[in-house]
Amino acid sequence: MHRAMGEDVNTAIVGGRVVMQDRRMTTLDVDALYREIRRAARAIGHKQRRHAETLRKLKPYVQDWYNAWLTAEAAKPSYVLNSRE
């Protein structure tokens, strides 16, 4: 079973600050961001909407292609810090 890109991330810390915990953003009002995006999207023209629709249709195929590279072997780091291996 392949997982979506980023699906393994539970918590993210940037500059010593927790920005995501339990897969929820802690420093961002996600609902307000979506409202702002929807407001801005009203100004998008037909050509941009057609382009966005094409990208939406392609997205699952691109994700499948990348996920095919996410094998257990590929997930191993090419080096291990402080290791005697």
PDB file of N, CA and C in Angstrom:
ATOM      1  N   MET A   1       0.849  -1.181   0.000  1.00  0.00           N
ATOM      2  CA  MET A   1       0.000   0.000   0.000  1.00  0.00           C
ATOM      3  C   MET A   1       0.887   1.235   0.000  1.00  0.00           C
ATOM      4  N   HIS A   2       0.600   2.151  -0.901  1.00  0.00           N
ATOM      5  CA  HIS A   2       1.354   3.399  -0.963  1.00  0.00           C
ATOM      6  C   HIS A   2       0.596   4.484  -0.222  1.00  0.00           C
ATOM      7  N   ARG A   3       1.358   5.354   0.384  1.00  0.00           N
ATOM      8  CA  ARG A   3       0.759   6.475   1.089  1.00  0.00           C
ATOM      9  C   ARG A   3       0.962   7.729   0.270  1.00  0.00           C
ATOM     10  N   ALA A   4       0.095   8.689   0.478  1.00  0.00           N
ATOM     11  CA  ALA A   4       0.228   9.972  -0.214  1.00  0.00           C
ATOM     12  C   ALA A   4       1.445  10.713   0.333  1.00  0.00           C
ATOM     13  N   MET A   5       2.021  11.539  -0.522  1.00  0.00           N
ATOM     14  CA  MET A   5       3.179  12.311  -0.129  1.00  0.00           C
ATOM     15  C   MET A   5       2.858  13.144   1.114  1.00  0.00           C
ATOM     16  N   GLY A   6       3.712  13.085   2.133  1.00  0.00           N
ATOM     17  CA  GLY A   6       3.524  13.856   3.350  1.00  0.00           C
ATOM     18  C   GLY A   6       2.611  13.202   4.367  1.00  0.00           C
ATOM     19  N   GLU A   7       2.035  12.065   4.029  1.00  0.00           N
ATOM     20  CA  GLU A   7       1.082  11.417   4.909  1.00  0.00           C
ATOM     21  C   GLU A   7       1.727  10.896   6.193  1.00  0.00           C
ATOM     22  N   ASP A   8       3.022  10.665   6.161  1.00  0.00           N
ATOM     23  CA  ASP A   8       3.713  10.151   7.334  1.00  0.00           C
ATOM     24  C   ASP A   8       4.041  11.243   8.346  1.00  0.00           C
ATOM     25  N   VAL A   9       3.853  12.495   7.973  1.00  0.00           N
ATOM     26  CA  VAL A   9       4.210  13.606   8.854  1.00  0.00           C
ATOM     27  C   VAL A   9       3.069  13.872   9.821  1.00  0.00           C
ATOM     28  N   ASN A  10       3.389  13.838  11.107  1.00  0.00           N
ATOM     29  CA  ASN A  10       2.417  14.073  12.152  1.00  0.00           C
ATOM     30  C   ASN A  10       2.636  15.435  12.803  1.00  0.00           C
ATOM     31  N   THR A  11       3.896  15.781  13.018  1.00  0.00           N
ATOM     32  CA  THR A  11       4.262  17.025  13.684  1.00  0.00           C
ATOM     33  C   THR A  11       5.404  17.667  12.921  1.00  0.00           C
ATOM     34  N   ALA A  12       5.348  18.994  12.813  1.00  0.00           N
ATOM     35  CA  ALA A  12       6.425  19.733  12.146  1.00  0.00           C
ATOM     36  C   ALA A  12       6.841  20.899  13.026  1.00  0.00           C
ATOM     37  N   ILE A  13       8.154  21.071  13.142  1.00  0.00           N
ATOM     38  CA  ILE A  13       8.718  22.149  13.945  1.00  0.00           C
ATOM     39  C   ILE A  13       9.616  22.970  13.035  1.00  0.00           C
ATOM     40  N   VAL A  14       9.369  24.271  13.002  1.00  0.00           N
ATOM     41  CA  VAL A  14      10.158  25.173  12.168  1.00  0.00           C
ATOM     42  C   VAL A  14      10.744  26.243  13.073  1.00  0.00           C
ATOM     43  N   GLY A  15      12.063  26.346  13.080  1.00  0.00           N
ATOM     44  CA  GLY A  15      12.719  27.355  13.917  1.00  0.00           C
ATOM     45  C   GLY A  15      12.387  27.201  15.380  1.00  0.00           C
ATOM     46  N   GLY A  16      12.207  25.957  15.840  1.00  0.00           N
ATOM     47  CA  GLY A  16      11.903  25.697  17.242  1.00  0.00           C
ATOM     48  C   GLY A  16      10.434  25.884  17.595  1.00  0.00           C
ATOM     49  N   ARG A  17       9.612  26.228  16.629  1.00  0.00           N
ATOM     50  CA  ARG A  17       8.188  26.474  16.861  1.00  0.00           C
ATOM     51  C   ARG A  17       7.357  25.356  16.223  1.00  0.00           C
ATOM     52  N   VAL A  18       6.432  24.784  16.991  1.00  0.00           N
ATOM     53  CA  VAL A  18       5.560  23.734  16.471  1.00  0.00           C
ATOM     54  C   VAL A  18       4.540  24.394  15.542  1.00  0.00           C
ATOM     55  N   VAL A  19       4.606  24.066  14.254  1.00  0.00           N
ATOM     56  CA  VAL A  19       3.680  24.648  13.278  1.00  0.00           C
ATOM     57  C   VAL A  19       2.580  23.663  12.873  1.00  0.00           C
ATOM     58  N   MET A  20       2.798  22.372  13.164  1.00  0.00           N
ATOM     59  CA  MET A  20       1.774  21.362  12.929  1.00  0.00           C
ATOM     60  C   MET A  20       1.902  20.297  14.006  1.00  0.00           C
ATOM     61  N   GLN A  21       0.773  19.961  14.617  1.00  0.00           N
ATOM     62  CA  GLN A  21       0.768  18.915  15.637  1.00  0.00           C
ATOM     63  C   GLN A  21      -0.467  18.062  15.429  1.00  0.00           C
ATOM     64  N   ASP A  22      -0.275  16.749  15.461  1.00  0.00           N
ATOM     65  CA  ASP A  22      -1.370  15.797  15.199  1.00  0.00           C
ATOM     66  C   ASP A  22      -2.060  16.135  13.882  1.00  0.00           C
ATOM     67  N   ARG A  23      -1.242  16.488  12.870  1.00  0.00           N
ATOM     68  CA  ARG A  23      -1.708  16.805  11.510  1.00  0.00           C
ATOM     69  C   ARG A  23      -2.613  18.024  11.432  1.00  0.00           C
ATOM     70  N   ARG A  24      -2.571  18.868  12.441  1.00  0.00           N
ATOM     71  CA  ARG A  24      -3.347  20.112  12.431  1.00  0.00           C
ATOM     72  C   ARG A  24      -2.387  21.289  12.524  1.00  0.00           C
ATOM     73  N   MET A  25      -2.629  22.291  11.663  1.00  0.00           N
ATOM     74  CA  MET A  25      -1.795  23.479  11.668  1.00  0.00           C
ATOM     75  C   MET A  25      -2.035  24.250  12.960  1.00  0.00           C
ATOM     76  N   THR A  26      -0.973  24.696  13.612  1.00  0.00           N
ATOM     77  CA  THR A  26      -1.112  25.416  14.874  1.00  0.00           C
ATOM     78  C   THR A  26      -0.881  26.918  14.714  1.00  0.00           C
ATOM     79  N   THR A  27      -0.299  27.333  13.605  1.00  0.00           N
ATOM     80  CA  THR A  27       0.046  28.745  13.425  1.00  0.00           C
ATOM     81  C   THR A  27      -0.736  29.384  12.286  1.00  0.00           C
ATOM     82  N   LEU A  28      -1.759  28.704  11.809  1.00  0.00           N
ATOM     83  CA  LEU A  28      -2.475  29.162  10.637  1.00  0.00           C
ATOM     84  C   LEU A  28      -3.958  28.910  10.812  1.00  0.00           C
ATOM     85  N   ASP A  29      -4.774  29.911  10.504  1.00  0.00           N
ATOM     86  CA  ASP A  29      -6.220  29.749  10.536  1.00  0.00           C
ATOM     87  C   ASP A  29      -6.631  29.184   9.179  1.00  0.00           C
ATOM     88  N   VAL A  30      -6.738  27.876   9.091  1.00  0.00           N
ATOM     89  CA  VAL A  30      -7.003  27.190   7.830  1.00  0.00           C
ATOM     90  C   VAL A  30      -8.347  27.618   7.249  1.00  0.00           C
ATOM     91  N   ASP A  31      -9.375  27.755   8.075  1.00  0.00           N
ATOM     92  CA  ASP A  31     -10.689  28.165   7.571  1.00  0.00           C
ATOM     93  C   ASP A  31     -10.620  29.556   6.945  1.00  0.00           C
ATOM     94  N   ALA A  32      -9.927  30.484   7.598  1.00  0.00           N
ATOM     95  CA  ALA A  32      -9.781  31.842   7.044  1.00  0.00           C
ATOM     96  C   ALA A  32      -8.992  31.800   5.742  1.00  0.00           C
ATOM     97  N   LEU A  33      -7.988  30.947   5.669  1.00  0.00           N
ATOM     98  CA  LEU A  33      -7.203  30.815   4.448  1.00  0.00           C
ATOM     99  C   LEU A  33      -8.077  30.321   3.297  1.00  0.00           C
ATOM    100  N   TYR A  34      -8.908  29.312   3.543  1.00  0.00           N
ATOM    101  CA  TYR A  34      -9.809  28.807   2.509  1.00  0.00           C
ATOM    102  C   TYR A  34     -10.802  29.889   2.064  1.00  0.00           C
ATOM    103  N   ARG A  35     -11.305  30.693   3.012  1.00  0.00           N
ATOM    104  CA  ARG A  35     -12.215  31.785   2.640  1.00  0.00           C
ATOM    105  C   ARG A  35     -11.504  32.770   1.717  1.00  0.00           C
ATOM    106  N   GLU A  36     -10.280  33.110   2.049  1.00  0.00           N
ATOM    107  CA  GLU A  36      -9.501  34.037   1.224  1.00  0.00           C
ATOM    108  C   GLU A  36      -9.238  33.457  -0.166  1.00  0.00           C
ATOM    109  N   ILE A  37      -8.926  32.179  -0.222  1.00  0.00           N
ATOM    110  CA  ILE A  37      -8.673  31.519  -1.515  1.00  0.00           C
ATOM    111  C   ILE A  37      -9.939  31.517  -2.360  1.00  0.00           C
ATOM    112  N   ARG A  38     -11.076  31.198  -1.753  1.00  0.00           N
ATOM    113  CA  ARG A  38     -12.337  31.193  -2.501  1.00  0.00           C
ATOM    114  C   ARG A  38     -12.669  32.581  -3.043  1.00  0.00           C
ATOM    115  N   ARG A  39     -12.407  33.622  -2.231  1.00  0.00           N
ATOM    116  CA  ARG A  39     -12.652  34.998  -2.672  1.00  0.00           C
ATOM    117  C   ARG A  39     -11.769  35.341  -3.869  1.00  0.00           C
ATOM    118  N   ALA A  40     -10.494  34.970  -3.784  1.00  0.00           N
ATOM    119  CA  ALA A  40      -9.558  35.250  -4.874  1.00  0.00           C
ATOM    120  C   ALA A  40      -9.901  34.437  -6.120  1.00  0.00           C
ATOM    121  N   ALA A  41     -10.423  33.226  -5.934  1.00  0.00           N
ATOM    122  CA  ALA A  41     -10.732  32.349  -7.066  1.00  0.00           C
ATOM    123  C   ALA A  41     -11.862  32.898  -7.925  1.00  0.00           C
ATOM    124  N   ARG A  42     -12.701  33.750  -7.374  1.00  0.00           N
ATOM    125  CA  ARG A  42     -13.797  34.322  -8.158  1.00  0.00           C
ATOM    126  C   ARG A  42     -13.279  35.155  -9.326  1.00  0.00           C
ATOM    127  N   ALA A  43     -12.065  35.683  -9.191  1.00  0.00           N
ATOM    128  CA  ALA A  43     -11.484  36.541 -10.232  1.00  0.00           C
ATOM    129  C   ALA A  43     -10.768  35.734 -11.324  1.00  0.00           C
ATOM    130  N   ILE A  44     -10.695  34.437 -11.156  1.00  0.00           N
ATOM    131  CA  ILE A  44      -9.987  33.594 -12.125  1.00  0.00           C
ATOM    132  C   ILE A  44     -10.818  33.468 -13.400  1.00  0.00           C
ATOM    133  N   GLY A  45     -10.166  33.627 -14.529  1.00  0.00           N
ATOM    134  CA  GLY A  45     -10.849  33.556 -15.812  1.00  0.00           C
ATOM    135  C   GLY A  45     -11.004  32.132 -16.328  1.00  0.00           C
ATOM    136  N   HIS A  46     -11.676  32.020 -17.469  1.00  0.00           N
ATOM    137  CA  HIS A  46     -11.968  30.718 -18.075  1.00  0.00           C
ATOM    138  C   HIS A  46     -10.690  29.925 -18.380  1.00  0.00           C
ATOM    139  N   LYS A  47      -9.682  30.596 -18.937  1.00  0.00           N
ATOM    140  CA  LYS A  47      -8.442  29.910 -19.305  1.00  0.00           C
ATOM    141  C   LYS A  47      -7.750  29.310 -18.076  1.00  0.00           C
ATOM    142  N   GLN A  48      -7.708  30.075 -16.990  1.00  0.00           N
ATOM    143  CA  GLN A  48      -7.077  29.576 -15.758  1.00  0.00           C
ATOM    144  C   GLN A  48      -7.892  28.429 -15.156  1.00  0.00           C
ATOM    145  N   ARG A  49      -9.214  28.533 -15.234  1.00  0.00           N
ATOM    146  CA  ARG A  49     -10.059  27.448 -14.696  1.00  0.00           C
ATOM    147  C   ARG A  49      -9.842  26.160 -15.487  1.00  0.00           C
ATOM    148  N   ARG A  50      -9.745  26.275 -16.811  1.00  0.00           N
ATOM    149  CA  ARG A  50      -9.502  25.109 -17.654  1.00  0.00           C
ATOM    150  C   ARG A  50      -8.144  24.481 -17.314  1.00  0.00           C
ATOM    151  N   HIS A  51      -7.145  25.331 -17.108  1.00  0.00           N
ATOM    152  CA  HIS A  51      -5.809  24.848 -16.735  1.00  0.00           C
ATOM    153  C   HIS A  51      -5.856  24.134 -15.376  1.00  0.00           C
ATOM    154  N   ALA A  52      -6.549  24.738 -14.414  1.00  0.00           N
ATOM    155  CA  ALA A  52      -6.675  24.134 -13.081  1.00  0.00           C
ATOM    156  C   ALA A  52      -7.397  22.792 -13.155  1.00  0.00           C
ATOM    157  N   GLU A  53      -8.413  22.696 -13.998  1.00  0.00           N
ATOM    158  CA  GLU A  53      -9.150  21.440 -14.151  1.00  0.00           C
ATOM    159  C   GLU A  53      -8.256  20.357 -14.743  1.00  0.00           C
ATOM    160  N   THR A  54      -7.425  20.737 -15.708  1.00  0.00           N
ATOM    161  CA  THR A  54      -6.482  19.778 -16.292  1.00  0.00           C
ATOM    162  C   THR A  54      -5.514  19.280 -15.219  1.00  0.00           C
ATOM    163  N   LEU A  55      -4.994  20.198 -14.412  1.00  0.00           N
ATOM    164  CA  LEU A  55      -4.072  19.805 -13.335  1.00  0.00           C
ATOM    165  C   LEU A  55      -4.764  18.894 -12.329  1.00  0.00           C
ATOM    166  N   ARG A  56      -6.030  19.198 -12.005  1.00  0.00           N
ATOM    167  CA  ARG A  56      -6.778  18.363 -11.055  1.00  0.00           C
ATOM    168  C   ARG A  56      -6.913  16.943 -11.589  1.00  0.00           C
ATOM    169  N   LYS A  57      -7.159  16.821 -12.894  1.00  0.00           N
ATOM    170  CA  LYS A  57      -7.301  15.489 -13.495  1.00  0.00           C
ATOM    171  C   LYS A  57      -5.972  14.734 -13.521  1.00  0.00           C
ATOM    172  N   LEU A  58      -4.874  15.454 -13.711  1.00  0.00           N
ATOM    173  CA  LEU A  58      -3.552  14.827 -13.777  1.00  0.00           C
ATOM    174  C   LEU A  58      -3.010  14.432 -12.405  1.00  0.00           C
ATOM    175  N   LYS A  59      -3.425  15.144 -11.366  1.00  0.00           N
ATOM    176  CA  LYS A  59      -2.860  14.969 -10.027  1.00  0.00           C
ATOM    177  C   LYS A  59      -2.800  13.514  -9.557  1.00  0.00           C
ATOM    178  N   PRO A  60      -3.876  12.710  -9.663  1.00  0.00           N
ATOM    179  CA  PRO A  60      -3.771  11.331  -9.163  1.00  0.00           C
ATOM    180  C   PRO A  60      -2.721  10.502  -9.901  1.00  0.00           C
ATOM    181  N   TYR A  61      -2.546  10.763 -11.190  1.00  0.00           N
ATOM    182  CA  TYR A  61      -1.551  10.012 -11.962  1.00  0.00           C
ATOM    183  C   TYR A  61      -0.130  10.402 -11.559  1.00  0.00           C
ATOM    184  N   VAL A  62       0.074  11.685 -11.326  1.00  0.00           N
ATOM    185  CA  VAL A  62       1.393  12.158 -10.891  1.00  0.00           C
ATOM    186  C   VAL A  62       1.689  11.614  -9.498  1.00  0.00           C
ATOM    187  N   GLN A  63       0.700  11.649  -8.608  1.00  0.00           N
ATOM    188  CA  GLN A  63       0.901  11.108  -7.259  1.00  0.00           C
ATOM    189  C   GLN A  63       1.205   9.616  -7.305  1.00  0.00           C
ATOM    190  N   ASP A  64       0.495   8.869  -8.141  1.00  0.00           N
ATOM    191  CA  ASP A  64       0.777   7.432  -8.276  1.00  0.00           C
ATOM    192  C   ASP A  64       2.199   7.209  -8.766  1.00  0.00           C
ATOM    193  N   TRP A  65       2.641   8.029  -9.723  1.00  0.00           N
ATOM    194  CA  TRP A  65       3.999   7.891 -10.261  1.00  0.00           C
ATOM    195  C   TRP A  65       5.030   8.125  -9.159  1.00  0.00           C
ATOM    196  N   TYR A  66       4.853   9.181  -8.373  1.00  0.00           N
ATOM    197  CA  TYR A  66       5.788   9.445  -7.276  1.00  0.00           C
ATOM    198  C   TYR A  66       5.700   8.362  -6.212  1.00  0.00           C
ATOM    199  N   ASN A  67       4.483   7.939  -5.875  1.00  0.00           N
ATOM    200  CA  ASN A  67       4.320   6.911  -4.846  1.00  0.00           C
ATOM    201  C   ASN A  67       4.988   5.599  -5.243  1.00  0.00           C
ATOM    202  N   ALA A  68       5.075   5.320  -6.534  1.00  0.00           N
ATOM    203  CA  ALA A  68       5.758   4.106  -6.992  1.00  0.00           C
ATOM    204  C   ALA A  68       7.231   4.132  -6.600  1.00  0.00           C
ATOM    205  N   TRP A  69       7.774   5.318  -6.416  1.00  0.00           N
ATOM    206  CA  TRP A  69       9.184   5.454  -6.001  1.00  0.00           C
ATOM    207  C   TRP A  69       9.352   5.312  -4.493  1.00  0.00           C
ATOM    208  N   LEU A  70       8.244   5.377  -3.753  1.00  0.00           N
ATOM    209  CA  LEU A  70       8.323   5.347  -2.292  1.00  0.00           C
ATOM    210  C   LEU A  70       8.285   3.917  -1.767  1.00  0.00           C
ATOM    211  N   THR A  71       9.264   3.143  -2.146  1.00  0.00           N
ATOM    212  CA  THR A  71       9.370   1.770  -1.662  1.00  0.00           C
ATOM    213  C   THR A  71      10.102   1.781  -0.327  1.00  0.00           C
ATOM    214  N   ALA A  72      10.058   0.680   0.376  1.00  0.00           N
ATOM    215  CA  ALA A  72      10.768   0.585   1.654  1.00  0.00           C
ATOM    216  C   ALA A  72      12.264   0.824   1.446  1.00  0.00           C
ATOM    217  N   GLU A  73      12.809   0.322   0.359  1.00  0.00           N
ATOM    218  CA  GLU A  73      14.232   0.505   0.073  1.00  0.00           C
ATOM    219  C   GLU A  73      14.550   1.975  -0.201  1.00  0.00           C
ATOM    220  N   ALA A  74      13.692   2.648  -0.934  1.00  0.00           N
ATOM    221  CA  ALA A  74      13.918   4.061  -1.264  1.00  0.00           C
ATOM    222  C   ALA A  74      13.788   4.949  -0.036  1.00  0.00           C
ATOM    223  N   ALA A  75      13.032   4.493   0.963  1.00  0.00           N
ATOM    224  CA  ALA A  75      12.828   5.298   2.163  1.00  0.00           C
ATOM    225  C   ALA A  75      14.028   5.268   3.098  1.00  0.00           C
ATOM    226  N   LYS A  76      14.933   4.314   2.892  1.00  0.00           N
ATOM    227  CA  LYS A  76      16.118   4.234   3.745  1.00  0.00           C
ATOM    228  C   LYS A  76      17.053   5.387   3.406  1.00  0.00           C
ATOM    229  N   PRO A  77      17.596   6.045   4.431  1.00  0.00           N
ATOM    230  CA  PRO A  77      18.538   7.135   4.142  1.00  0.00           C
ATOM    231  C   PRO A  77      19.812   6.590   3.504  1.00  0.00           C
ATOM    232  N   SER A  78      20.441   7.418   2.704  1.00  0.00           N
ATOM    233  CA  SER A  78      21.679   6.969   2.054  1.00  0.00           C
ATOM    234  C   SER A  78      22.852   7.024   3.023  1.00  0.00           C
ATOM    235  N   TYR A  79      22.632   7.646   4.167  1.00  0.00           N
ATOM    236  CA  TYR A  79      23.662   7.689   5.191  1.00  0.00           C
ATOM    237  C   TYR A  79      22.970   7.776   6.547  1.00  0.00           C
ATOM    238  N   VAL A  80      23.702   7.439   7.589  1.00  0.00           N
ATOM    239  CA  VAL A  80      23.169   7.528   8.942  1.00  0.00           C
ATOM    240  C   VAL A  80      24.179   8.322   9.758  1.00  0.00           C
ATOM    241  N   LEU A  81      23.716   9.398  10.370  1.00  0.00           N
ATOM    242  CA  LEU A  81      24.609  10.224  11.172  1.00  0.00           C
ATOM    243  C   LEU A  81      25.070   9.450  12.416  1.00  0.00           C
ATOM    244  N   ASN A  82      26.313   9.646  12.785  1.00  0.00           N
ATOM    245  CA  ASN A  82      26.876   9.053  13.999  1.00  0.00           C
ATOM    246  C   ASN A  82      26.747   7.529  14.006  1.00  0.00           C
ATOM    247  N   SER A  83      26.879   6.925  12.860  1.00  0.00           N
ATOM    248  CA  SER A  83      26.736   5.479  12.761  1.00  0.00           C
ATOM    249  C   SER A  83      28.082   4.834  12.516  1.00  0.00           C
ATOM    250  N   ARG A  84      28.244   3.632  13.005  1.00  0.00           N
ATOM    251  CA  ARG A  84      29.468   2.876  12.767  1.00  0.00           C
ATOM    252  C   ARG A  84      29.229   1.779  11.745  1.00  0.00           C
ATOM    253  N   GLU A  85      28.095   1.844  11.055  1.00  0.00           N
ATOM    254  CA  GLU A  85      27.757   0.833  10.054  1.00  0.00           C
ATOM    255  C   GLU A  85      28.610   0.970   8.836  1.00  0.00           C
TER     256      GLU A  85
END
